[in-house]
N, C-alpha and C. Protein backbone atom coordinates (compact mmCIF):
# COMPACT_ATOMS: atom_id res chain seq x y z
N MET A 1 3.98 -3.96 22.39
CA MET A 1 3.41 -5.09 21.65
C MET A 1 2.01 -4.74 21.14
N ARG A 2 1.27 -3.96 21.93
CA ARG A 2 -0.08 -3.59 21.48
C ARG A 2 -0.01 -2.75 20.21
N ALA A 3 0.88 -1.76 20.19
CA ALA A 3 1.02 -0.92 18.99
C ALA A 3 1.45 -1.77 17.80
N ARG A 4 2.37 -2.69 18.00
CA ARG A 4 2.82 -3.57 16.91
C ARG A 4 1.63 -4.36 16.35
N HIS A 5 0.85 -4.93 17.25
CA HIS A 5 -0.31 -5.70 16.82
C HIS A 5 -1.29 -4.82 16.04
N GLU A 6 -1.57 -3.62 16.55
CA GLU A 6 -2.49 -2.70 15.86
C GLU A 6 -1.96 -2.31 14.48
N LEU A 7 -0.66 -2.06 14.39
CA LEU A 7 -0.07 -1.64 13.11
C LEU A 7 0.00 -2.79 12.11
N GLU A 8 0.29 -3.99 12.58
CA GLU A 8 0.25 -5.16 11.69
C GLU A 8 -1.17 -5.42 11.20
N ALA A 9 -2.15 -5.27 12.07
CA ALA A 9 -3.55 -5.46 11.68
C ALA A 9 -3.97 -4.39 10.67
N LEU A 10 -3.52 -3.16 10.87
CA LEU A 10 -3.81 -2.08 9.92
C LEU A 10 -3.26 -2.42 8.54
N LEU A 11 -2.03 -2.91 8.51
CA LEU A 11 -1.40 -3.28 7.24
C LEU A 11 -2.17 -4.42 6.55
N ALA A 12 -2.54 -5.44 7.31
CA ALA A 12 -3.30 -6.56 6.74
C ALA A 12 -4.66 -6.10 6.24
N ASP A 13 -5.34 -5.25 6.99
CA ASP A 13 -6.65 -4.75 6.56
C ASP A 13 -6.54 -3.91 5.30
N TYR A 14 -5.50 -3.08 5.24
CA TYR A 14 -5.28 -2.23 4.07
C TYR A 14 -5.12 -3.08 2.80
N TRP A 15 -4.18 -4.02 2.84
CA TRP A 15 -3.94 -4.81 1.63
C TRP A 15 -5.11 -5.75 1.32
N HIS A 16 -5.83 -6.17 2.33
CA HIS A 16 -7.05 -6.96 2.06
C HIS A 16 -8.05 -6.13 1.27
N ASP A 17 -8.23 -4.86 1.64
CA ASP A 17 -9.12 -3.98 0.88
C ASP A 17 -8.61 -3.80 -0.54
N VAL A 18 -7.32 -3.58 -0.69
CA VAL A 18 -6.75 -3.37 -2.03
C VAL A 18 -6.92 -4.62 -2.89
N ASP A 19 -6.67 -5.79 -2.32
CA ASP A 19 -6.69 -7.02 -3.12
C ASP A 19 -8.09 -7.58 -3.37
N THR A 20 -9.02 -7.36 -2.45
CA THR A 20 -10.34 -7.95 -2.60
C THR A 20 -11.44 -6.93 -2.89
N ASN A 21 -11.17 -5.67 -2.65
CA ASN A 21 -12.15 -4.61 -2.87
C ASN A 21 -11.58 -3.54 -3.80
N TRP A 22 -10.47 -3.85 -4.41
CA TRP A 22 -9.79 -2.99 -5.40
C TRP A 22 -9.47 -1.60 -4.85
N GLY A 23 -9.24 -1.53 -3.54
CA GLY A 23 -8.82 -0.28 -2.92
C GLY A 23 -9.89 0.79 -2.80
N ARG A 24 -11.13 0.37 -2.87
CA ARG A 24 -12.22 1.36 -2.78
C ARG A 24 -12.17 2.17 -1.47
N ASN A 25 -11.60 1.58 -0.42
CA ASN A 25 -11.51 2.26 0.87
C ASN A 25 -10.08 2.65 1.22
N ALA A 26 -9.16 2.53 0.28
CA ALA A 26 -7.74 2.74 0.58
C ALA A 26 -7.47 4.12 1.15
N GLY A 27 -8.12 5.14 0.66
CA GLY A 27 -7.89 6.49 1.16
C GLY A 27 -8.19 6.64 2.63
N ASP A 28 -9.08 5.82 3.15
CA ASP A 28 -9.45 5.91 4.56
C ASP A 28 -8.31 5.54 5.50
N TYR A 29 -7.25 4.95 4.98
CA TYR A 29 -6.12 4.53 5.80
C TYR A 29 -5.04 5.61 5.90
N TYR A 30 -5.24 6.75 5.25
CA TYR A 30 -4.23 7.80 5.17
C TYR A 30 -4.72 9.09 5.82
N THR A 31 -3.77 9.89 6.31
CA THR A 31 -4.08 11.23 6.77
C THR A 31 -4.39 12.09 5.55
N ASP A 32 -5.05 13.21 5.77
CA ASP A 32 -5.43 14.09 4.66
C ASP A 32 -4.24 14.57 3.85
N ASP A 33 -3.09 14.77 4.50
CA ASP A 33 -1.91 15.29 3.82
C ASP A 33 -0.83 14.22 3.58
N ALA A 34 -1.22 12.96 3.58
CA ALA A 34 -0.26 11.86 3.45
C ALA A 34 0.54 11.95 2.14
N LEU A 35 1.72 11.35 2.18
CA LEU A 35 2.56 11.23 0.98
C LEU A 35 2.79 9.75 0.72
N PHE A 36 2.50 9.33 -0.51
CA PHE A 36 2.63 7.94 -0.98
C PHE A 36 3.66 7.98 -2.10
N GLU A 37 4.86 7.46 -1.84
CA GLU A 37 5.95 7.51 -2.82
C GLU A 37 6.26 6.12 -3.33
N SER A 38 6.39 6.02 -4.66
CA SER A 38 6.86 4.77 -5.23
C SER A 38 8.06 5.07 -6.12
N THR A 39 8.61 4.04 -6.68
CA THR A 39 9.76 4.21 -7.56
C THR A 39 9.42 5.06 -8.78
N TYR A 40 8.15 5.01 -9.21
CA TYR A 40 7.77 5.66 -10.47
C TYR A 40 6.87 6.87 -10.32
N ALA A 41 6.22 7.03 -9.19
CA ALA A 41 5.27 8.14 -9.02
C ALA A 41 5.08 8.43 -7.54
N SER A 42 4.63 9.64 -7.24
CA SER A 42 4.30 10.02 -5.87
C SER A 42 2.93 10.67 -5.88
N TYR A 43 2.18 10.43 -4.81
CA TYR A 43 0.84 10.99 -4.68
C TYR A 43 0.76 11.70 -3.35
N LYS A 44 0.43 12.98 -3.39
CA LYS A 44 0.35 13.79 -2.17
C LYS A 44 -1.11 14.02 -1.81
N GLY A 45 -1.48 13.62 -0.61
CA GLY A 45 -2.82 13.82 -0.10
C GLY A 45 -3.70 12.59 -0.27
N LYS A 46 -4.58 12.44 0.69
CA LYS A 46 -5.52 11.32 0.72
C LYS A 46 -6.34 11.23 -0.58
N ALA A 47 -6.79 12.37 -1.09
CA ALA A 47 -7.62 12.37 -2.31
C ALA A 47 -6.84 11.85 -3.52
N LYS A 48 -5.57 12.25 -3.64
CA LYS A 48 -4.75 11.80 -4.77
C LYS A 48 -4.45 10.31 -4.66
N ILE A 49 -4.23 9.83 -3.44
CA ILE A 49 -4.00 8.40 -3.23
C ILE A 49 -5.24 7.62 -3.63
N GLN A 50 -6.41 8.09 -3.23
CA GLN A 50 -7.65 7.41 -3.61
C GLN A 50 -7.86 7.47 -5.12
N GLN A 51 -7.46 8.57 -5.74
CA GLN A 51 -7.55 8.69 -7.20
C GLN A 51 -6.73 7.60 -7.89
N PHE A 52 -5.55 7.28 -7.33
CA PHE A 52 -4.75 6.19 -7.88
C PHE A 52 -5.54 4.88 -7.86
N TYR A 53 -6.17 4.57 -6.74
CA TYR A 53 -6.91 3.32 -6.65
C TYR A 53 -8.14 3.33 -7.55
N GLN A 54 -8.76 4.48 -7.75
CA GLN A 54 -9.87 4.57 -8.69
C GLN A 54 -9.38 4.33 -10.12
N TYR A 55 -8.23 4.91 -10.46
CA TYR A 55 -7.61 4.66 -11.77
C TYR A 55 -7.39 3.16 -11.97
N ARG A 56 -6.87 2.52 -10.94
CA ARG A 56 -6.60 1.09 -11.01
C ARG A 56 -7.89 0.31 -11.22
N LEU A 57 -8.95 0.68 -10.52
CA LEU A 57 -10.24 0.03 -10.65
C LEU A 57 -10.81 0.23 -12.06
N ASP A 58 -10.69 1.44 -12.58
CA ASP A 58 -11.24 1.76 -13.90
C ASP A 58 -10.52 1.06 -15.04
N ARG A 59 -9.31 0.55 -14.81
CA ARG A 59 -8.55 -0.15 -15.85
C ARG A 59 -9.20 -1.47 -16.24
N GLY A 60 -9.96 -2.05 -15.34
CA GLY A 60 -10.59 -3.32 -15.65
C GLY A 60 -10.06 -4.44 -14.77
N PRO A 61 -10.49 -5.68 -15.08
CA PRO A 61 -10.15 -6.81 -14.21
C PRO A 61 -8.64 -7.00 -14.05
N ARG A 62 -8.25 -7.20 -12.82
CA ARG A 62 -6.85 -7.48 -12.47
C ARG A 62 -6.87 -8.22 -11.14
N VAL A 63 -6.03 -9.20 -11.03
CA VAL A 63 -5.88 -9.94 -9.79
C VAL A 63 -4.55 -9.52 -9.17
N ALA A 64 -4.58 -9.17 -7.90
CA ALA A 64 -3.36 -8.79 -7.20
C ALA A 64 -3.35 -9.38 -5.81
N VAL A 65 -2.18 -9.81 -5.40
CA VAL A 65 -1.94 -10.25 -4.03
C VAL A 65 -0.71 -9.50 -3.56
N HIS A 66 -0.91 -8.68 -2.54
CA HIS A 66 0.18 -7.94 -1.90
C HIS A 66 0.53 -8.72 -0.62
N ALA A 67 1.58 -9.53 -0.69
CA ALA A 67 2.00 -10.32 0.46
C ALA A 67 3.07 -9.53 1.22
N VAL A 68 2.97 -9.52 2.55
CA VAL A 68 3.90 -8.75 3.37
C VAL A 68 4.64 -9.68 4.33
N THR A 69 5.88 -9.31 4.63
CA THR A 69 6.69 -10.13 5.52
C THR A 69 7.72 -9.26 6.23
N ASN A 70 8.34 -9.82 7.27
CA ASN A 70 9.43 -9.19 8.03
C ASN A 70 9.02 -7.83 8.58
N PHE A 71 7.84 -7.76 9.16
CA PHE A 71 7.31 -6.52 9.72
C PHE A 71 8.11 -6.09 10.95
N ARG A 72 8.52 -4.83 10.96
CA ARG A 72 9.23 -4.24 12.10
C ARG A 72 8.59 -2.91 12.43
N VAL A 73 8.56 -2.57 13.70
CA VAL A 73 8.02 -1.27 14.12
C VAL A 73 8.95 -0.65 15.16
N VAL A 74 9.15 0.66 15.01
CA VAL A 74 9.87 1.45 16.00
C VAL A 74 8.93 2.56 16.43
N LEU A 75 8.64 2.61 17.72
CA LEU A 75 7.77 3.67 18.23
C LEU A 75 8.60 4.94 18.35
N ASP A 76 8.12 6.00 17.71
CA ASP A 76 8.79 7.29 17.72
C ASP A 76 8.17 8.22 18.77
N GLY A 77 7.29 7.69 19.57
CA GLY A 77 6.56 8.42 20.60
C GLY A 77 5.29 7.67 20.87
N PRO A 78 4.45 8.15 21.78
CA PRO A 78 3.23 7.41 22.11
C PRO A 78 2.23 7.34 20.95
N ASP A 79 2.30 8.28 20.02
CA ASP A 79 1.32 8.33 18.93
C ASP A 79 1.97 8.34 17.54
N ARG A 80 3.23 7.93 17.48
CA ARG A 80 3.94 7.92 16.19
C ARG A 80 4.77 6.64 16.08
N ALA A 81 4.84 6.11 14.87
CA ALA A 81 5.61 4.88 14.66
C ALA A 81 6.16 4.86 13.24
N THR A 82 7.30 4.23 13.09
CA THR A 82 7.88 3.95 11.78
C THR A 82 7.89 2.44 11.61
N CYS A 83 7.34 1.97 10.49
CA CYS A 83 7.28 0.54 10.20
C CYS A 83 8.06 0.25 8.93
N ASN A 84 8.79 -0.85 8.93
CA ASN A 84 9.46 -1.35 7.74
C ASN A 84 9.03 -2.79 7.52
N TRP A 85 8.91 -3.16 6.26
CA TRP A 85 8.48 -4.50 5.90
C TRP A 85 8.77 -4.71 4.43
N TYR A 86 8.61 -5.92 3.96
CA TYR A 86 8.80 -6.24 2.55
C TYR A 86 7.46 -6.56 1.90
N LEU A 87 7.30 -6.06 0.69
CA LEU A 87 6.11 -6.32 -0.11
C LEU A 87 6.49 -7.24 -1.26
N LEU A 88 5.77 -8.33 -1.41
CA LEU A 88 5.89 -9.21 -2.57
C LEU A 88 4.59 -9.09 -3.34
N LEU A 89 4.67 -8.54 -4.53
CA LEU A 89 3.48 -8.30 -5.34
C LEU A 89 3.35 -9.34 -6.44
N PHE A 90 2.24 -10.04 -6.41
CA PHE A 90 1.84 -10.97 -7.46
C PHE A 90 0.64 -10.32 -8.14
N ALA A 91 0.70 -10.07 -9.46
CA ALA A 91 -0.43 -9.40 -10.12
C ALA A 91 -0.41 -9.65 -11.61
N ALA A 92 -1.60 -9.63 -12.18
CA ALA A 92 -1.77 -9.75 -13.63
C ALA A 92 -3.17 -9.27 -13.99
N ASP A 93 -3.30 -8.70 -15.18
CA ASP A 93 -4.61 -8.31 -15.67
C ASP A 93 -5.42 -9.55 -16.01
N GLY A 94 -6.71 -9.46 -15.81
CA GLY A 94 -7.60 -10.56 -16.12
C GLY A 94 -8.38 -11.01 -14.90
N LYS A 95 -9.14 -12.08 -15.09
CA LYS A 95 -9.97 -12.64 -14.02
C LYS A 95 -9.39 -14.00 -13.63
N PRO A 96 -9.59 -14.41 -12.37
CA PRO A 96 -9.09 -15.71 -11.93
C PRO A 96 -9.80 -16.83 -12.68
N ILE A 97 -9.21 -17.87 -12.90
CA ILE A 97 -7.94 -18.36 -12.38
C ILE A 97 -6.85 -18.00 -13.41
N LEU A 98 -5.76 -17.38 -12.93
CA LEU A 98 -4.65 -16.99 -13.80
C LEU A 98 -3.46 -17.90 -13.52
N PRO A 99 -2.55 -18.00 -14.50
CA PRO A 99 -1.34 -18.81 -14.27
C PRO A 99 -0.50 -18.20 -13.14
N THR A 100 0.18 -19.04 -12.42
CA THR A 100 1.05 -18.56 -11.34
C THR A 100 2.44 -18.22 -11.87
N ASN A 101 3.01 -17.20 -11.32
CA ASN A 101 4.35 -16.73 -11.69
C ASN A 101 5.04 -16.21 -10.44
N PRO A 102 6.35 -15.94 -10.52
CA PRO A 102 7.02 -15.31 -9.38
C PRO A 102 6.44 -13.92 -9.14
N PRO A 103 6.74 -13.30 -8.00
CA PRO A 103 6.25 -11.95 -7.77
C PRO A 103 6.78 -11.01 -8.85
N ILE A 104 5.95 -10.03 -9.24
CA ILE A 104 6.37 -9.07 -10.25
C ILE A 104 7.16 -7.92 -9.63
N GLN A 105 7.11 -7.83 -8.28
CA GLN A 105 7.87 -6.81 -7.59
C GLN A 105 8.14 -7.26 -6.16
N ILE A 106 9.34 -6.97 -5.69
CA ILE A 106 9.67 -7.10 -4.28
C ILE A 106 10.22 -5.74 -3.86
N ALA A 107 9.60 -5.16 -2.84
CA ALA A 107 9.96 -3.81 -2.42
C ALA A 107 10.19 -3.75 -0.92
N HIS A 108 11.14 -2.92 -0.54
CA HIS A 108 11.34 -2.58 0.87
C HIS A 108 10.42 -1.39 1.15
N MET A 109 9.62 -1.51 2.19
CA MET A 109 8.59 -0.52 2.48
C MET A 109 8.90 0.22 3.77
N THR A 110 8.57 1.50 3.76
CA THR A 110 8.67 2.32 4.96
C THR A 110 7.35 3.06 5.14
N ASP A 111 6.75 2.90 6.29
CA ASP A 111 5.52 3.62 6.65
C ASP A 111 5.81 4.48 7.88
N ARG A 112 5.27 5.68 7.87
CA ARG A 112 5.21 6.48 9.09
C ARG A 112 3.74 6.59 9.45
N CYS A 113 3.43 6.22 10.68
CA CYS A 113 2.05 6.15 11.13
C CYS A 113 1.84 7.10 12.29
N VAL A 114 0.62 7.62 12.38
CA VAL A 114 0.27 8.52 13.47
C VAL A 114 -1.09 8.09 14.04
N ARG A 115 -1.13 8.00 15.36
CA ARG A 115 -2.38 7.61 16.02
C ARG A 115 -3.28 8.84 16.10
N GLN A 116 -4.53 8.65 15.73
CA GLN A 116 -5.52 9.72 15.75
C GLN A 116 -6.13 9.87 17.15
N PRO A 117 -6.78 11.00 17.43
CA PRO A 117 -7.40 11.19 18.75
C PRO A 117 -8.38 10.08 19.14
N ASP A 118 -9.00 9.44 18.12
CA ASP A 118 -9.95 8.36 18.43
C ASP A 118 -9.25 7.01 18.63
N GLY A 119 -7.90 7.00 18.55
CA GLY A 119 -7.14 5.77 18.78
C GLY A 119 -6.72 5.03 17.51
N ARG A 120 -7.33 5.36 16.38
CA ARG A 120 -6.96 4.69 15.12
C ARG A 120 -5.58 5.15 14.65
N TRP A 121 -4.85 4.25 14.02
CA TRP A 121 -3.59 4.59 13.37
C TRP A 121 -3.88 4.90 11.91
N LEU A 122 -3.21 5.90 11.34
CA LEU A 122 -3.29 6.22 9.92
C LEU A 122 -1.88 6.38 9.37
N TYR A 123 -1.77 6.18 8.07
CA TYR A 123 -0.49 6.38 7.39
C TYR A 123 -0.36 7.85 7.01
N GLU A 124 0.78 8.45 7.38
CA GLU A 124 1.07 9.80 6.91
C GLU A 124 2.15 9.77 5.82
N TYR A 125 2.78 8.61 5.69
CA TYR A 125 3.86 8.47 4.70
C TYR A 125 4.03 7.00 4.38
N ARG A 126 4.15 6.70 3.11
CA ARG A 126 4.46 5.34 2.66
C ARG A 126 5.44 5.45 1.50
N LYS A 127 6.53 4.68 1.58
CA LYS A 127 7.52 4.68 0.51
C LYS A 127 7.81 3.26 0.06
N PHE A 128 7.69 3.07 -1.25
CA PHE A 128 8.06 1.82 -1.91
C PHE A 128 9.48 1.99 -2.45
N GLU A 129 10.40 1.12 -2.06
CA GLU A 129 11.73 1.08 -2.67
C GLU A 129 11.83 -0.26 -3.39
N THR A 130 11.67 -0.24 -4.69
CA THR A 130 11.69 -1.47 -5.47
C THR A 130 13.11 -2.05 -5.48
N TRP A 131 13.21 -3.30 -5.07
CA TRP A 131 14.50 -3.99 -5.08
C TRP A 131 14.57 -5.02 -6.20
N PHE A 132 13.44 -5.62 -6.54
CA PHE A 132 13.37 -6.59 -7.64
C PHE A 132 12.11 -6.32 -8.42
N GLU A 133 12.18 -6.51 -9.75
CA GLU A 133 11.01 -6.29 -10.59
C GLU A 133 11.17 -7.10 -11.87
N GLY A 134 10.04 -7.57 -12.38
CA GLY A 134 10.10 -8.30 -13.63
C GLY A 134 8.76 -8.90 -13.99
N GLY A 135 8.65 -9.31 -15.23
CA GLY A 135 7.41 -9.93 -15.69
C GLY A 135 6.38 -8.88 -16.02
N VAL A 136 5.24 -8.94 -15.37
CA VAL A 136 4.10 -8.07 -15.63
C VAL A 136 4.38 -6.67 -15.07
N PRO A 137 4.07 -5.61 -15.81
CA PRO A 137 4.26 -4.25 -15.27
C PRO A 137 3.35 -3.98 -14.07
N THR A 138 3.87 -3.19 -13.14
CA THR A 138 3.04 -2.74 -12.02
C THR A 138 2.15 -1.61 -12.49
N THR A 139 1.21 -1.20 -11.65
CA THR A 139 0.28 -0.11 -11.98
C THR A 139 0.81 1.17 -11.37
N ASN A 140 1.39 2.04 -12.19
CA ASN A 140 1.99 3.27 -11.67
C ASN A 140 1.70 4.44 -12.59
N PRO A 141 0.48 4.96 -12.61
CA PRO A 141 0.18 6.09 -13.51
C PRO A 141 0.71 7.40 -12.97
N ASN A 142 0.96 8.33 -13.86
CA ASN A 142 1.22 9.70 -13.46
C ASN A 142 -0.13 10.41 -13.43
N LEU A 143 -0.67 10.58 -12.24
CA LEU A 143 -2.03 11.15 -12.13
C LEU A 143 -2.06 12.65 -12.39
N ASP A 144 -0.90 13.28 -12.49
CA ASP A 144 -0.88 14.70 -12.84
C ASP A 144 -1.38 14.90 -14.27
N ASP A 145 -1.28 13.84 -15.08
CA ASP A 145 -1.76 13.89 -16.46
C ASP A 145 -3.23 13.53 -16.57
N LYS A 146 -3.86 13.15 -15.47
CA LYS A 146 -5.25 12.67 -15.51
C LYS A 146 -6.20 13.75 -15.01
């Protein structure tokens, strides 16, 4: 239960940074060699993941809410865990207050987490499997071109 609580708190803190601080600290949640896979792009390494969030920030004003639900965790050992959950993404370019709409994406998520020597959990792998999508486009650049 303690690991579950820590991993749920990590997830909430991560998306809080992304939604309210535009992911300026997002890279700090990943291992140096982490892999971040989405339906449209993959980013290998903490630096490339942070580059994605910088790209997102540089695009200009956007409001996003990453809502999570149905969190599950399986401990793969004392310092390793696999988490699955659903992401409901509400987002649009511009500044608040924006009109409300259904989520622009619903994805099944898989995280592999590893506990660091100092006790912190970090993501070594995150995979977005988009199950529903519509309305406003998500932010998915090919950073190899940047």
